Amino acid sequence: MITPFLDEKYLNLETYRKNGQAVRTPVWFVVDNGIIYVATPSTTGKVKRLTHSKNIRIVPSNMKGIPKGNWVDATAYFANEFESSQVIKLRKKKYGIMAKLIGLSVYRKGKPVVIGIKI
């Protein structure tokens, strides 16, 4: 199930509000040991929504969130400190200078939170 994501730069992450309404967000991600990881500031809506429901859907996508395949049901969790530090390193390696530039501006909004995704 993870194979469609391996050579992609973006995935569309669908999380759910308390009322069940889906919210889709295109995000960068990395894969490590069969788990997909997304880093995001702690103040984002997706972090808030994941505290209510760990059930999500994901699909490989372009940077605008347009799907490149089929949606997959998955479960999210908040990564521990060790996983988080590994993911930040992997993200810098995968996305290079863009990861550093984005990190400087985006993480002023809040400490990075790493979300693990199990398919």
PDB file of N, CA and C in Angstrom:
ATOM      1  N   MET A   1       0.802  -1.214   0.000  1.00  0.00           N
ATOM      2  CA  MET A   1       0.000   0.000   0.000  1.00  0.00           C
ATOM      3  C   MET A   1       0.840   1.272   0.000  1.00  0.00           C
ATOM      4  N   ILE A   2       2.074   1.198   0.510  1.00  0.00           N
ATOM      5  CA  ILE A   2       2.906   2.391   0.599  1.00  0.00           C
ATOM      6  C   ILE A   2       3.619   2.701  -0.717  1.00  0.00           C
ATOM      7  N   THR A   3       3.713   1.732  -1.596  1.00  0.00           N
ATOM      8  CA  THR A   3       4.439   1.864  -2.858  1.00  0.00           C
ATOM      9  C   THR A   3       4.056   3.097  -3.681  1.00  0.00           C
ATOM     10  N   PRO A   4       2.785   3.451  -3.850  1.00  0.00           N
ATOM     11  CA  PRO A   4       2.446   4.623  -4.668  1.00  0.00           C
ATOM     12  C   PRO A   4       3.034   5.938  -4.143  1.00  0.00           C
ATOM     13  N   PHE A   5       3.451   5.974  -2.888  1.00  0.00           N
ATOM     14  CA  PHE A   5       3.956   7.201  -2.283  1.00  0.00           C
ATOM     15  C   PHE A   5       5.476   7.345  -2.385  1.00  0.00           C
ATOM     16  N   LEU A   6       6.177   6.257  -2.654  1.00  0.00           N
ATOM     17  CA  LEU A   6       7.629   6.238  -2.533  1.00  0.00           C
ATOM     18  C   LEU A   6       8.364   7.257  -3.397  1.00  0.00           C
ATOM     19  N   ASP A   7       7.939   7.492  -4.611  1.00  0.00           N
ATOM     20  CA  ASP A   7       8.642   8.414  -5.505  1.00  0.00           C
ATOM     21  C   ASP A   7       7.967   9.778  -5.623  1.00  0.00           C
ATOM     22  N   GLU A   8       7.076  10.078  -4.712  1.00  0.00           N
ATOM     23  CA  GLU A   8       6.320  11.334  -4.767  1.00  0.00           C
ATOM     24  C   GLU A   8       6.886  12.367  -3.796  1.00  0.00           C
ATOM     25  N   LYS A   9       6.598  13.638  -4.067  1.00  0.00           N
ATOM     26  CA  LYS A   9       7.021  14.731  -3.183  1.00  0.00           C
ATOM     27  C   LYS A   9       5.878  15.238  -2.307  1.00  0.00           C
ATOM     28  N   TYR A  10       4.633  15.014  -2.742  1.00  0.00           N
ATOM     29  CA  TYR A  10       3.468  15.525  -2.017  1.00  0.00           C
ATOM     30  C   TYR A  10       2.437  14.429  -1.810  1.00  0.00           C
ATOM     31  N   LEU A  11       1.706  14.579  -0.727  1.00  0.00           N
ATOM     32  CA  LEU A  11       0.501  13.773  -0.554  1.00  0.00           C
ATOM     33  C   LEU A  11      -0.589  14.702  -0.078  1.00  0.00           C
ATOM     34  N   ASN A  12      -1.818  14.325  -0.361  1.00  0.00           N
ATOM     35  CA  ASN A  12      -2.968  15.084   0.104  1.00  0.00           C
ATOM     36  C   ASN A  12      -3.464  14.373   1.354  1.00  0.00           C
ATOM     37  N   LEU A  13      -3.486  15.094   2.454  1.00  0.00           N
ATOM     38  CA  LEU A  13      -3.869  14.566   3.755  1.00  0.00           C
ATOM     39  C   LEU A  13      -5.281  15.024   4.079  1.00  0.00           C
ATOM     40  N   GLU A  14      -6.171  14.055   4.285  1.00  0.00           N
ATOM     41  CA  GLU A  14      -7.558  14.378   4.632  1.00  0.00           C
ATOM     42  C   GLU A  14      -7.776  14.078   6.110  1.00  0.00           C
ATOM     43  N   THR A  15      -8.042  15.149   6.874  1.00  0.00           N
ATOM     44  CA  THR A  15      -8.375  15.028   8.291  1.00  0.00           C
ATOM     45  C   THR A  15      -9.823  15.477   8.469  1.00  0.00           C
ATOM     46  N   TYR A  16     -10.358  15.281   9.667  1.00  0.00           N
ATOM     47  CA  TYR A  16     -11.788  15.537   9.871  1.00  0.00           C
ATOM     48  C   TYR A  16     -12.057  16.451  11.063  1.00  0.00           C
ATOM     49  N   ARG A  17     -12.957  17.388  10.831  1.00  0.00           N
ATOM     50  CA  ARG A  17     -13.421  18.267  11.906  1.00  0.00           C
ATOM     51  C   ARG A  17     -14.334  17.477  12.836  1.00  0.00           C
ATOM     52  N   LYS A  18     -14.639  18.077  13.994  1.00  0.00           N
ATOM     53  CA  LYS A  18     -15.531  17.421  14.965  1.00  0.00           C
ATOM     54  C   LYS A  18     -16.870  17.048  14.344  1.00  0.00           C
ATOM     55  N   ASN A  19     -17.353  17.875  13.401  1.00  0.00           N
ATOM     56  CA  ASN A  19     -18.649  17.599  12.772  1.00  0.00           C
ATOM     57  C   ASN A  19     -18.553  16.588  11.630  1.00  0.00           C
ATOM     58  N   GLY A  20     -17.345  16.043  11.405  1.00  0.00           N
ATOM     59  CA  GLY A  20     -17.154  15.031  10.366  1.00  0.00           C
ATOM     60  C   GLY A  20     -16.766  15.577   9.012  1.00  0.00           C
ATOM     61  N   GLN A  21     -16.754  16.892   8.853  1.00  0.00           N
ATOM     62  CA  GLN A  21     -16.397  17.493   7.572  1.00  0.00           C
ATOM     63  C   GLN A  21     -14.916  17.260   7.282  1.00  0.00           C
ATOM     64  N   ALA A  22     -14.629  16.786   6.068  1.00  0.00           N
ATOM     65  CA  ALA A  22     -13.254  16.512   5.655  1.00  0.00           C
ATOM     66  C   ALA A  22     -12.535  17.798   5.269  1.00  0.00           C
ATOM     67  N   VAL A  23     -11.256  17.863   5.625  1.00  0.00           N
ATOM     68  CA  VAL A  23     -10.387  18.977   5.236  1.00  0.00           C
ATOM     69  C   VAL A  23      -9.151  18.363   4.584  1.00  0.00           C
ATOM     70  N   ARG A  24      -8.888  18.754   3.349  1.00  0.00           N
ATOM     71  CA  ARG A  24      -7.765  18.200   2.600  1.00  0.00           C
ATOM     72  C   ARG A  24      -6.629  19.218   2.511  1.00  0.00           C
ATOM     73  N   THR A  25      -5.405  18.729   2.763  1.00  0.00           N
ATOM     74  CA  THR A  25      -4.237  19.591   2.764  1.00  0.00           C
ATOM     75  C   THR A  25      -3.073  18.899   2.057  1.00  0.00           C
ATOM     76  N   PRO A  26      -2.531  19.481   0.978  1.00  0.00           N
ATOM     77  CA  PRO A  26      -1.330  18.910   0.369  1.00  0.00           C
ATOM     78  C   PRO A  26      -0.117  19.204   1.255  1.00  0.00           C
ATOM     79  N   VAL A  27       0.703  18.189   1.495  1.00  0.00           N
ATOM     80  CA  VAL A  27       1.856  18.331   2.391  1.00  0.00           C
ATOM     81  C   VAL A  27       3.067  17.573   1.848  1.00  0.00           C
ATOM     82  N   TRP A  28       4.254  18.006   2.280  1.00  0.00           N
ATOM     83  CA  TRP A  28       5.477  17.240   2.057  1.00  0.00           C
ATOM     84  C   TRP A  28       5.461  16.067   3.014  1.00  0.00           C
ATOM     85  N   PHE A  29       6.202  15.026   2.687  1.00  0.00           N
ATOM     86  CA  PHE A  29       6.274  13.862   3.565  1.00  0.00           C
ATOM     87  C   PHE A  29       7.557  13.092   3.311  1.00  0.00           C
ATOM     88  N   VAL A  30       7.900  12.240   4.245  1.00  0.00           N
ATOM     89  CA  VAL A  30       8.986  11.279   4.070  1.00  0.00           C
ATOM     90  C   VAL A  30       8.482   9.917   4.508  1.00  0.00           C
ATOM     91  N   VAL A  31       9.162   8.881   4.036  1.00  0.00           N
ATOM     92  CA  VAL A  31       8.824   7.517   4.412  1.00  0.00           C
ATOM     93  C   VAL A  31      10.033   6.911   5.116  1.00  0.00           C
ATOM     94  N   ASP A  32       9.795   6.276   6.253  1.00  0.00           N
ATOM     95  CA  ASP A  32      10.858   5.603   6.993  1.00  0.00           C
ATOM     96  C   ASP A  32      10.281   4.373   7.664  1.00  0.00           C
ATOM     97  N   ASN A  33      10.904   3.233   7.408  1.00  0.00           N
ATOM     98  CA  ASN A  33      10.467   1.953   8.014  1.00  0.00           C
ATOM     99  C   ASN A  33       8.984   1.679   7.806  1.00  0.00           C
ATOM    100  N   GLY A  34       8.481   1.976   6.612  1.00  0.00           N
ATOM    101  CA  GLY A  34       7.095   1.673   6.279  1.00  0.00           C
ATOM    102  C   GLY A  34       6.065   2.629   6.845  1.00  0.00           C
ATOM    103  N   ILE A  35       6.521   3.701   7.448  1.00  0.00           N
ATOM    104  CA  ILE A  35       5.615   4.708   8.009  1.00  0.00           C
ATOM    105  C   ILE A  35       5.825   6.010   7.243  1.00  0.00           C
ATOM    106  N   ILE A  36       4.731   6.680   6.927  1.00  0.00           N
ATOM    107  CA  ILE A  36       4.787   7.987   6.270  1.00  0.00           C
ATOM    108  C   ILE A  36       4.763   9.038   7.375  1.00  0.00           C
ATOM    109  N   TYR A  37       5.636  10.046   7.234  1.00  0.00           N
ATOM    110  CA  TYR A  37       5.710  11.109   8.233  1.00  0.00           C
ATOM    111  C   TYR A  37       5.495  12.476   7.600  1.00  0.00           C
ATOM    112  N   VAL A  38       4.771  13.325   8.316  1.00  0.00           N
ATOM    113  CA  VAL A  38       4.521  14.702   7.907  1.00  0.00           C
ATOM    114  C   VAL A  38       4.917  15.597   9.078  1.00  0.00           C
ATOM    115  N   ALA A  39       5.688  16.653   8.793  1.00  0.00           N
ATOM    116  CA  ALA A  39       6.034  17.630   9.829  1.00  0.00           C
ATOM    117  C   ALA A  39       5.220  18.892   9.572  1.00  0.00           C
ATOM    118  N   THR A  40       4.708  19.479  10.636  1.00  0.00           N
ATOM    119  CA  THR A  40       3.861  20.659  10.511  1.00  0.00           C
ATOM    120  C   THR A  40       3.963  21.482  11.801  1.00  0.00           C
ATOM    121  N   PRO A  41       3.754  22.792  11.740  1.00  0.00           N
ATOM    122  CA  PRO A  41       3.756  23.572  12.981  1.00  0.00           C
ATOM    123  C   PRO A  41       2.635  23.109  13.927  1.00  0.00           C
ATOM    124  N   SER A  42       2.905  23.215  15.211  1.00  0.00           N
ATOM    125  CA  SER A  42       1.940  22.757  16.219  1.00  0.00           C
ATOM    126  C   SER A  42       0.641  23.543  16.196  1.00  0.00           C
ATOM    127  N   THR A  43       0.639  24.711  15.596  1.00  0.00           N
ATOM    128  CA  THR A  43      -0.539  25.580  15.597  1.00  0.00           C
ATOM    129  C   THR A  43      -1.480  25.348  14.411  1.00  0.00           C
ATOM    130  N   THR A  44      -1.174  24.397  13.547  1.00  0.00           N
ATOM    131  CA  THR A  44      -1.999  24.189  12.354  1.00  0.00           C
ATOM    132  C   THR A  44      -3.306  23.469  12.676  1.00  0.00           C
ATOM    133  N   GLY A  45      -4.266  23.657  11.806  1.00  0.00           N
ATOM    134  CA  GLY A  45      -5.570  23.013  11.966  1.00  0.00           C
ATOM    135  C   GLY A  45      -5.490  21.500  11.938  1.00  0.00           C
ATOM    136  N   LYS A  46      -4.598  20.962  11.122  1.00  0.00           N
ATOM    137  CA  LYS A  46      -4.522  19.494  11.034  1.00  0.00           C
ATOM    138  C   LYS A  46      -4.102  18.878  12.366  1.00  0.00           C
ATOM    139  N   VAL A  47      -3.249  19.564  13.123  1.00  0.00           N
ATOM    140  CA  VAL A  47      -2.863  19.067  14.443  1.00  0.00           C
ATOM    141  C   VAL A  47      -4.085  19.063  15.358  1.00  0.00           C
ATOM    142  N   LYS A  48      -4.843  20.141  15.337  1.00  0.00           N
ATOM    143  CA  LYS A  48      -6.059  20.238  16.163  1.00  0.00           C
ATOM    144  C   LYS A  48      -7.056  19.138  15.771  1.00  0.00           C
ATOM    145  N   ARG A  49      -7.256  18.954  14.460  1.00  0.00           N
ATOM    146  CA  ARG A  49      -8.220  17.940  14.006  1.00  0.00           C
ATOM    147  C   ARG A  49      -7.774  16.529  14.392  1.00  0.00           C
ATOM    148  N   LEU A  50      -6.465  16.273  14.384  1.00  0.00           N
ATOM    149  CA  LEU A  50      -5.970  14.935  14.729  1.00  0.00           C
ATOM    150  C   LEU A  50      -6.108  14.625  16.214  1.00  0.00           C
ATOM    151  N   THR A  51      -6.280  15.638  17.038  1.00  0.00           N
ATOM    152  CA  THR A  51      -6.524  15.363  18.455  1.00  0.00           C
ATOM    153  C   THR A  51      -7.941  14.819  18.666  1.00  0.00           C
ATOM    154  N   HIS A  52      -8.825  15.070  17.688  1.00  0.00           N
ATOM    155  CA  HIS A  52     -10.204  14.579  17.769  1.00  0.00           C
ATOM    156  C   HIS A  52     -10.385  13.235  17.082  1.00  0.00           C
ATOM    157  N   SER A  53      -9.684  13.030  15.982  1.00  0.00           N
ATOM    158  CA  SER A  53      -9.827  11.780  15.233  1.00  0.00           C
ATOM    159  C   SER A  53      -8.514  11.425  14.561  1.00  0.00           C
ATOM    160  N   LYS A  54      -8.045  10.222  14.800  1.00  0.00           N
ATOM    161  CA  LYS A  54      -6.798   9.732  14.198  1.00  0.00           C
ATOM    162  C   LYS A  54      -7.052   9.054  12.858  1.00  0.00           C
ATOM    163  N   ASN A  55      -8.319   8.912  12.488  1.00  0.00           N
ATOM    164  CA  ASN A  55      -8.645   8.308  11.196  1.00  0.00           C
ATOM    165  C   ASN A  55      -8.478   9.358  10.104  1.00  0.00           C
ATOM    166  N   ILE A  56      -7.713   9.001   9.075  1.00  0.00           N
ATOM    167  CA  ILE A  56      -7.429   9.928   7.985  1.00  0.00           C
ATOM    168  C   ILE A  56      -7.486   9.180   6.660  1.00  0.00           C
ATOM    169  N   ARG A  57      -7.364   9.940   5.576  1.00  0.00           N
ATOM    170  CA  ARG A  57      -7.164   9.358   4.253  1.00  0.00           C
ATOM    171  C   ARG A  57      -6.029  10.127   3.593  1.00  0.00           C
ATOM    172  N   ILE A  58      -5.258   9.415   2.754  1.00  0.00           N
ATOM    173  CA  ILE A  58      -4.162  10.050   2.034  1.00  0.00           C
ATOM    174  C   ILE A  58      -4.146   9.573   0.585  1.00  0.00           C
ATOM    175  N   VAL A  59      -3.538  10.400  -0.272  1.00  0.00           N
ATOM    176  CA  VAL A  59      -3.385  10.053  -1.680  1.00  0.00           C
ATOM    177  C   VAL A  59      -2.140  10.777  -2.187  1.00  0.00           C
ATOM    178  N   PRO A  60      -1.321  10.139  -3.028  1.00  0.00           N
ATOM    179  CA  PRO A  60      -0.234  10.890  -3.652  1.00  0.00           C
ATOM    180  C   PRO A  60      -0.852  12.026  -4.469  1.00  0.00           C
ATOM    181  N   SER A  61      -0.190  13.189  -4.471  1.00  0.00           N
ATOM    182  CA  SER A  61      -0.773  14.342  -5.178  1.00  0.00           C
ATOM    183  C   SER A  61       0.324  15.252  -5.710  1.00  0.00           C
ATOM    184  N   ASN A  62      -0.118  16.280  -6.443  1.00  0.00           N
ATOM    185  CA  ASN A  62       0.822  17.327  -6.826  1.00  0.00           C
ATOM    186  C   ASN A  62       0.793  18.392  -5.733  1.00  0.00           C
ATOM    187  N   MET A  63       1.551  19.476  -5.921  1.00  0.00           N
ATOM    188  CA  MET A  63       1.635  20.486  -4.863  1.00  0.00           C
ATOM    189  C   MET A  63       0.315  21.218  -4.614  1.00  0.00           C
ATOM    190  N   LYS A  64      -0.621  21.137  -5.554  1.00  0.00           N
ATOM    191  CA  LYS A  64      -1.932  21.762  -5.379  1.00  0.00           C
ATOM    192  C   LYS A  64      -2.945  20.806  -4.747  1.00  0.00           C
ATOM    193  N   GLY A  65      -2.527  19.564  -4.495  1.00  0.00           N
ATOM    194  CA  GLY A  65      -3.413  18.594  -3.862  1.00  0.00           C
ATOM    195  C   GLY A  65      -4.222  17.763  -4.829  1.00  0.00           C
ATOM    196  N   ILE A  66      -3.954  17.901  -6.127  1.00  0.00           N
ATOM    197  CA  ILE A  66      -4.694  17.105  -7.115  1.00  0.00           C
ATOM    198  C   ILE A  66      -4.201  15.666  -7.051  1.00  0.00           C
ATOM    199  N   PRO A  67      -5.101  14.713  -6.762  1.00  0.00           N
ATOM    200  CA  PRO A  67      -4.701  13.316  -6.586  1.00  0.00           C
ATOM    201  C   PRO A  67      -4.017  12.714  -7.813  1.00  0.00           C
ATOM    202  N   LYS A  68      -3.040  11.847  -7.531  1.00  0.00           N
ATOM    203  CA  LYS A  68      -2.323  11.096  -8.561  1.00  0.00           C
ATOM    204  C   LYS A  68      -2.596   9.601  -8.430  1.00  0.00           C
ATOM    205  N   GLY A  69      -3.634   9.254  -7.715  1.00  0.00           N
ATOM    206  CA  GLY A  69      -3.953   7.846  -7.487  1.00  0.00           C
ATOM    207  C   GLY A  69      -5.233   7.730  -6.707  1.00  0.00           C
ATOM    208  N   ASN A  70      -5.337   6.650  -5.964  1.00  0.00           N
ATOM    209  CA  ASN A  70      -6.528   6.380  -5.164  1.00  0.00           C
ATOM    210  C   ASN A  70      -6.311   6.748  -3.698  1.00  0.00           C
ATOM    211  N   TRP A  71      -7.368   7.243  -3.071  1.00  0.00           N
ATOM    212  CA  TRP A  71      -7.333   7.551  -1.640  1.00  0.00           C
ATOM    213  C   TRP A  71      -7.164   6.258  -0.849  1.00  0.00           C
ATOM    214  N   VAL A  72      -6.408   6.347   0.233  1.00  0.00           N
ATOM    215  CA  VAL A  72      -6.123   5.203   1.090  1.00  0.00           C
ATOM    216  C   VAL A  72      -6.498   5.569   2.524  1.00  0.00           C
ATOM    217  N   ASP A  73      -7.230   4.680   3.202  1.00  0.00           N
ATOM    218  CA  ASP A  73      -7.534   4.883   4.621  1.00  0.00           C
ATOM    219  C   ASP A  73      -6.274   4.630   5.442  1.00  0.00           C
ATOM    220  N   ALA A  74      -6.068   5.445   6.458  1.00  0.00           N
ATOM    221  CA  ALA A  74      -4.882   5.308   7.295  1.00  0.00           C
ATOM    222  C   ALA A  74      -5.185   5.807   8.702  1.00  0.00           C
ATOM    223  N   THR A  75      -4.213   5.599   9.593  1.00  0.00           N
ATOM    224  CA  THR A  75      -4.325   6.049  10.975  1.00  0.00           C
ATOM    225  C   THR A  75      -3.114   6.917  11.297  1.00  0.00           C
ATOM    226  N   ALA A  76      -3.361   8.047  11.924  1.00  0.00           N
ATOM    227  CA  ALA A  76      -2.284   8.975  12.278  1.00  0.00           C
ATOM    228  C   ALA A  76      -1.994   8.912  13.775  1.00  0.00           C
ATOM    229  N   TYR A  77      -0.769   9.272  14.113  1.00  0.00           N
ATOM    230  CA  TYR A  77      -0.377   9.405  15.518  1.00  0.00           C
ATOM    231  C   TYR A  77       0.694  10.479  15.607  1.00  0.00           C
ATOM    232  N   PHE A  78       0.901  11.016  16.792  1.00  0.00           N
ATOM    233  CA  PHE A  78       1.949  12.012  16.994  1.00  0.00           C
ATOM    234  C   PHE A  78       3.238  11.281  17.343  1.00  0.00           C
ATOM    235  N   ALA A  79       4.281  11.528  16.556  1.00  0.00           N
ATOM    236  CA  ALA A  79       5.558  10.826  16.721  1.00  0.00           C
ATOM    237  C   ALA A  79       6.263  11.251  18.010  1.00  0.00           C
ATOM    238  N   ASN A  80       7.071  10.338  18.527  1.00  0.00           N
ATOM    239  CA  ASN A  80       7.854  10.665  19.718  1.00  0.00           C
ATOM    240  C   ASN A  80       9.074  11.516  19.332  1.00  0.00           C
ATOM    241  N   GLU A  81       9.830  11.936  20.322  1.00  0.00           N
ATOM    242  CA  GLU A  81      10.951  12.843  20.100  1.00  0.00           C
ATOM    243  C   GLU A  81      12.023  12.227  19.189  1.00  0.00           C
ATOM    244  N   PHE A  82      12.333  10.957  19.390  1.00  0.00           N
ATOM    245  CA  PHE A  82      13.345  10.296  18.563  1.00  0.00           C
ATOM    246  C   PHE A  82      12.903  10.237  17.103  1.00  0.00           C
ATOM    247  N   GLU A  83      11.668   9.764  16.886  1.00  0.00           N
ATOM    248  CA  GLU A  83      11.138   9.698  15.520  1.00  0.00           C
ATOM    249  C   GLU A  83      11.162  11.089  14.880  1.00  0.00           C
ATOM    250  N   SER A  84      10.739  12.090  15.626  1.00  0.00           N
ATOM    251  CA  SER A  84      10.652  13.453  15.105  1.00  0.00           C
ATOM    252  C   SER A  84      12.007  13.964  14.642  1.00  0.00           C
ATOM    253  N   SER A  85      13.048  13.742  15.430  1.00  0.00           N
ATOM    254  CA  SER A  85      14.370  14.225  15.024  1.00  0.00           C
ATOM    255  C   SER A  85      14.854  13.506  13.768  1.00  0.00           C
ATOM    256  N   GLN A  86      14.563  12.221  13.642  1.00  0.00           N
ATOM    257  CA  GLN A  86      14.934  11.466  12.442  1.00  0.00           C
ATOM    258  C   GLN A  86      14.178  11.998  11.220  1.00  0.00           C
ATOM    259  N   VAL A  87      12.907  12.265  11.390  1.00  0.00           N
ATOM    260  CA  VAL A  87      12.066  12.739  10.288  1.00  0.00           C
ATOM    261  C   VAL A  87      12.539  14.102   9.788  1.00  0.00           C
ATOM    262  N   ILE A  88      12.889  14.989  10.689  1.00  0.00           N
ATOM    263  CA  ILE A  88      13.363  16.314  10.281  1.00  0.00           C
ATOM    264  C   ILE A  88      14.640  16.165   9.441  1.00  0.00           C
ATOM    265  N   LYS A  89      15.531  15.271   9.826  1.00  0.00           N
ATOM    266  CA  LYS A  89      16.753  15.015   9.045  1.00  0.00           C
ATOM    267  C   LYS A  89      16.411  14.460   7.671  1.00  0.00           C
ATOM    268  N   LEU A  90      15.495  13.493   7.624  1.00  0.00           N
ATOM    269  CA  LEU A  90      15.094  12.894   6.342  1.00  0.00           C
ATOM    270  C   LEU A  90      14.432  13.926   5.435  1.00  0.00           C
ATOM    271  N   ARG A  91      13.645  14.797   6.035  1.00  0.00           N
ATOM    272  CA  ARG A  91      12.967  15.824   5.241  1.00  0.00           C
ATOM    273  C   ARG A  91      13.977  16.798   4.639  1.00  0.00           C
ATOM    274  N   LYS A  92      14.973  17.174   5.408  1.00  0.00           N
ATOM    275  CA  LYS A  92      16.016  18.067   4.894  1.00  0.00           C
ATOM    276  C   LYS A  92      16.766  17.404   3.743  1.00  0.00           C
ATOM    277  N   LYS A  93      17.004  16.107   3.873  1.00  0.00           N
ATOM    278  CA  LYS A  93      17.701  15.372   2.808  1.00  0.00           C
ATOM    279  C   LYS A  93      16.837  15.291   1.544  1.00  0.00           C
ATOM    280  N   LYS A  94      15.542  15.007   1.700  1.00  0.00           N
ATOM    281  CA  LYS A  94      14.647  14.842   0.557  1.00  0.00           C
ATOM    282  C   LYS A  94      14.355  16.165  -0.150  1.00  0.00           C
ATOM    283  N   TYR A  95      14.112  17.223   0.610  1.00  0.00           N
ATOM    284  CA  TYR A  95      13.669  18.495   0.031  1.00  0.00           C
ATOM    285  C   TYR A  95      14.758  19.559  -0.043  1.00  0.00           C
ATOM    286  N   GLY A  96      15.945  19.281   0.496  1.00  0.00           N
ATOM    287  CA  GLY A  96      17.098  20.155   0.362  1.00  0.00           C
ATOM    288  C   GLY A  96      16.896  21.559   0.887  1.00  0.00           C
ATOM    289  N   ILE A  97      17.390  22.510   0.121  1.00  0.00           N
ATOM    290  CA  ILE A  97      17.372  23.916   0.528  1.00  0.00           C
ATOM    291  C   ILE A  97      15.947  24.429   0.764  1.00  0.00           C
ATOM    292  N   MET A  98      14.993  23.897   0.018  1.00  0.00           N
ATOM    293  CA  MET A  98      13.596  24.326   0.211  1.00  0.00           C
ATOM    294  C   MET A  98      13.118  23.995   1.628  1.00  0.00           C
ATOM    295  N   ALA A  99      13.515  22.838   2.154  1.00  0.00           N
ATOM    296  CA  ALA A  99      13.121  22.457   3.512  1.00  0.00           C
ATOM    297  C   ALA A  99      13.689  23.436   4.528  1.00  0.00           C
ATOM    298  N   LYS A 100      14.921  23.864   4.306  1.00  0.00           N
ATOM    299  CA  LYS A 100      15.543  24.817   5.226  1.00  0.00           C
ATOM    300  C   LYS A 100      14.838  26.174   5.164  1.00  0.00           C
ATOM    301  N   LEU A 101      14.549  26.630   3.954  1.00  0.00           N
ATOM    302  CA  LEU A 101      13.876  27.927   3.800  1.00  0.00           C
ATOM    303  C   LEU A 101      12.470  27.905   4.388  1.00  0.00           C
ATOM    304  N   ILE A 102      11.735  26.846   4.089  1.00  0.00           N
ATOM    305  CA  ILE A 102      10.376  26.719   4.625  1.00  0.00           C
ATOM    306  C   ILE A 102      10.429  26.622   6.145  1.00  0.00           C
ATOM    307  N   GLY A 103      11.374  25.862   6.644  1.00  0.00           N
ATOM    308  CA  GLY A 103      11.517  25.705   8.092  1.00  0.00           C
ATOM    309  C   GLY A 103      11.725  27.030   8.798  1.00  0.00           C
ATOM    310  N   LEU A 104      12.523  27.895   8.212  1.00  0.00           N
ATOM    311  CA  LEU A 104      12.790  29.199   8.825  1.00  0.00           C
ATOM    312  C   LEU A 104      11.533  30.051   8.943  1.00  0.00           C
ATOM    313  N   SER A 105      10.693  30.032   7.916  1.00  0.00           N
ATOM    314  CA  SER A 105       9.502  30.877   7.941  1.00  0.00           C
ATOM    315  C   SER A 105       8.308  30.207   8.610  1.00  0.00           C
ATOM    316  N   VAL A 106       8.060  28.965   8.292  1.00  0.00           N
ATOM    317  CA  VAL A 106       6.862  28.277   8.781  1.00  0.00           C
ATOM    318  C   VAL A 106       6.916  28.000  10.279  1.00  0.00           C
ATOM    319  N   TYR A 107       8.070  27.574  10.785  1.00  0.00           N
ATOM    320  CA  TYR A 107       8.111  27.161  12.178  1.00  0.00           C
ATOM    321  C   TYR A 107       8.187  28.310  13.163  1.00  0.00           C
ATOM    322  N   ARG A 108       8.140  29.529  12.668  1.00  0.00           N
ATOM    323  CA  ARG A 108       7.944  30.669  13.558  1.00  0.00           C
ATOM    324  C   ARG A 108       6.534  30.632  14.127  1.00  0.00           C
ATOM    325  N   LYS A 109       5.643  29.926  13.426  1.00  0.00           N
ATOM    326  CA  LYS A 109       4.235  29.834  13.828  1.00  0.00           C
ATOM    327  C   LYS A 109       4.022  28.827  14.956  1.00  0.00           C
ATOM    328  N   GLY A 110       5.012  28.006  15.233  1.00  0.00           N
ATOM    329  CA  GLY A 110       4.860  27.004  16.277  1.00  0.00           C
ATOM    330  C   GLY A 110       5.910  25.927  16.137  1.00  0.00           C
ATOM    331  N   LYS A 111       6.172  25.241  17.227  1.00  0.00           N
ATOM    332  CA  LYS A 111       7.149  24.154  17.233  1.00  0.00           C
ATOM    333  C   LYS A 111       6.688  23.061  16.262  1.00  0.00           C
ATOM    334  N   PRO A 112       7.632  22.446  15.525  1.00  0.00           N
ATOM    335  CA  PRO A 112       7.211  21.388  14.603  1.00  0.00           C
ATOM    336  C   PRO A 112       6.654  20.169  15.338  1.00  0.00           C
ATOM    337  N   VAL A 113       5.571  19.649  14.794  1.00  0.00           N
ATOM    338  CA  VAL A 113       4.980  18.412  15.271  1.00  0.00           C
ATOM    339  C   VAL A 113       5.107  17.416  14.115  1.00  0.00           C
ATOM    340  N   VAL A 114       5.520  16.201  14.440  1.00  0.00           N
ATOM    341  CA  VAL A 114       5.640  15.178  13.411  1.00  0.00           C
ATOM    342  C   VAL A 114       4.491  14.201  13.575  1.00  0.00           C
ATOM    343  N   ILE A 115       3.802  13.984  12.460  1.00  0.00           N
ATOM    344  CA  ILE A 115       2.661  13.075  12.431  1.00  0.00           C
ATOM    345  C   ILE A 115       3.091  11.806  11.695  1.00  0.00           C
ATOM    346  N   GLY A 116       2.932  10.676  12.358  1.00  0.00           N
ATOM    347  CA  GLY A 116       3.195   9.388  11.731  1.00  0.00           C
ATOM    348  C   GLY A 116       1.904   8.861  11.134  1.00  0.00           C
ATOM    349  N   ILE A 117       2.009   8.257   9.953  1.00  0.00           N
ATOM    350  CA  ILE A 117       0.826   7.730   9.265  1.00  0.00           C
ATOM    351  C   ILE A 117       1.048   6.258   8.942  1.00  0.00           C
ATOM    352  N   LYS A 118       0.171   5.430   9.468  1.00  0.00           N
ATOM    353  CA  LYS A 118       0.226   3.993   9.213  1.00  0.00           C
ATOM    354  C   LYS A 118      -0.926   3.596   8.305  1.00  0.00           C
ATOM    355  N   ILE A 119      -0.570   2.940   7.202  1.00  0.00           N
ATOM    356  CA  ILE A 119      -1.594   2.489   6.256  1.00  0.00           C
ATOM    357  C   ILE A 119      -2.051   1.104   6.657  1.00  0.00           C
TER     358      ILE A 119
END
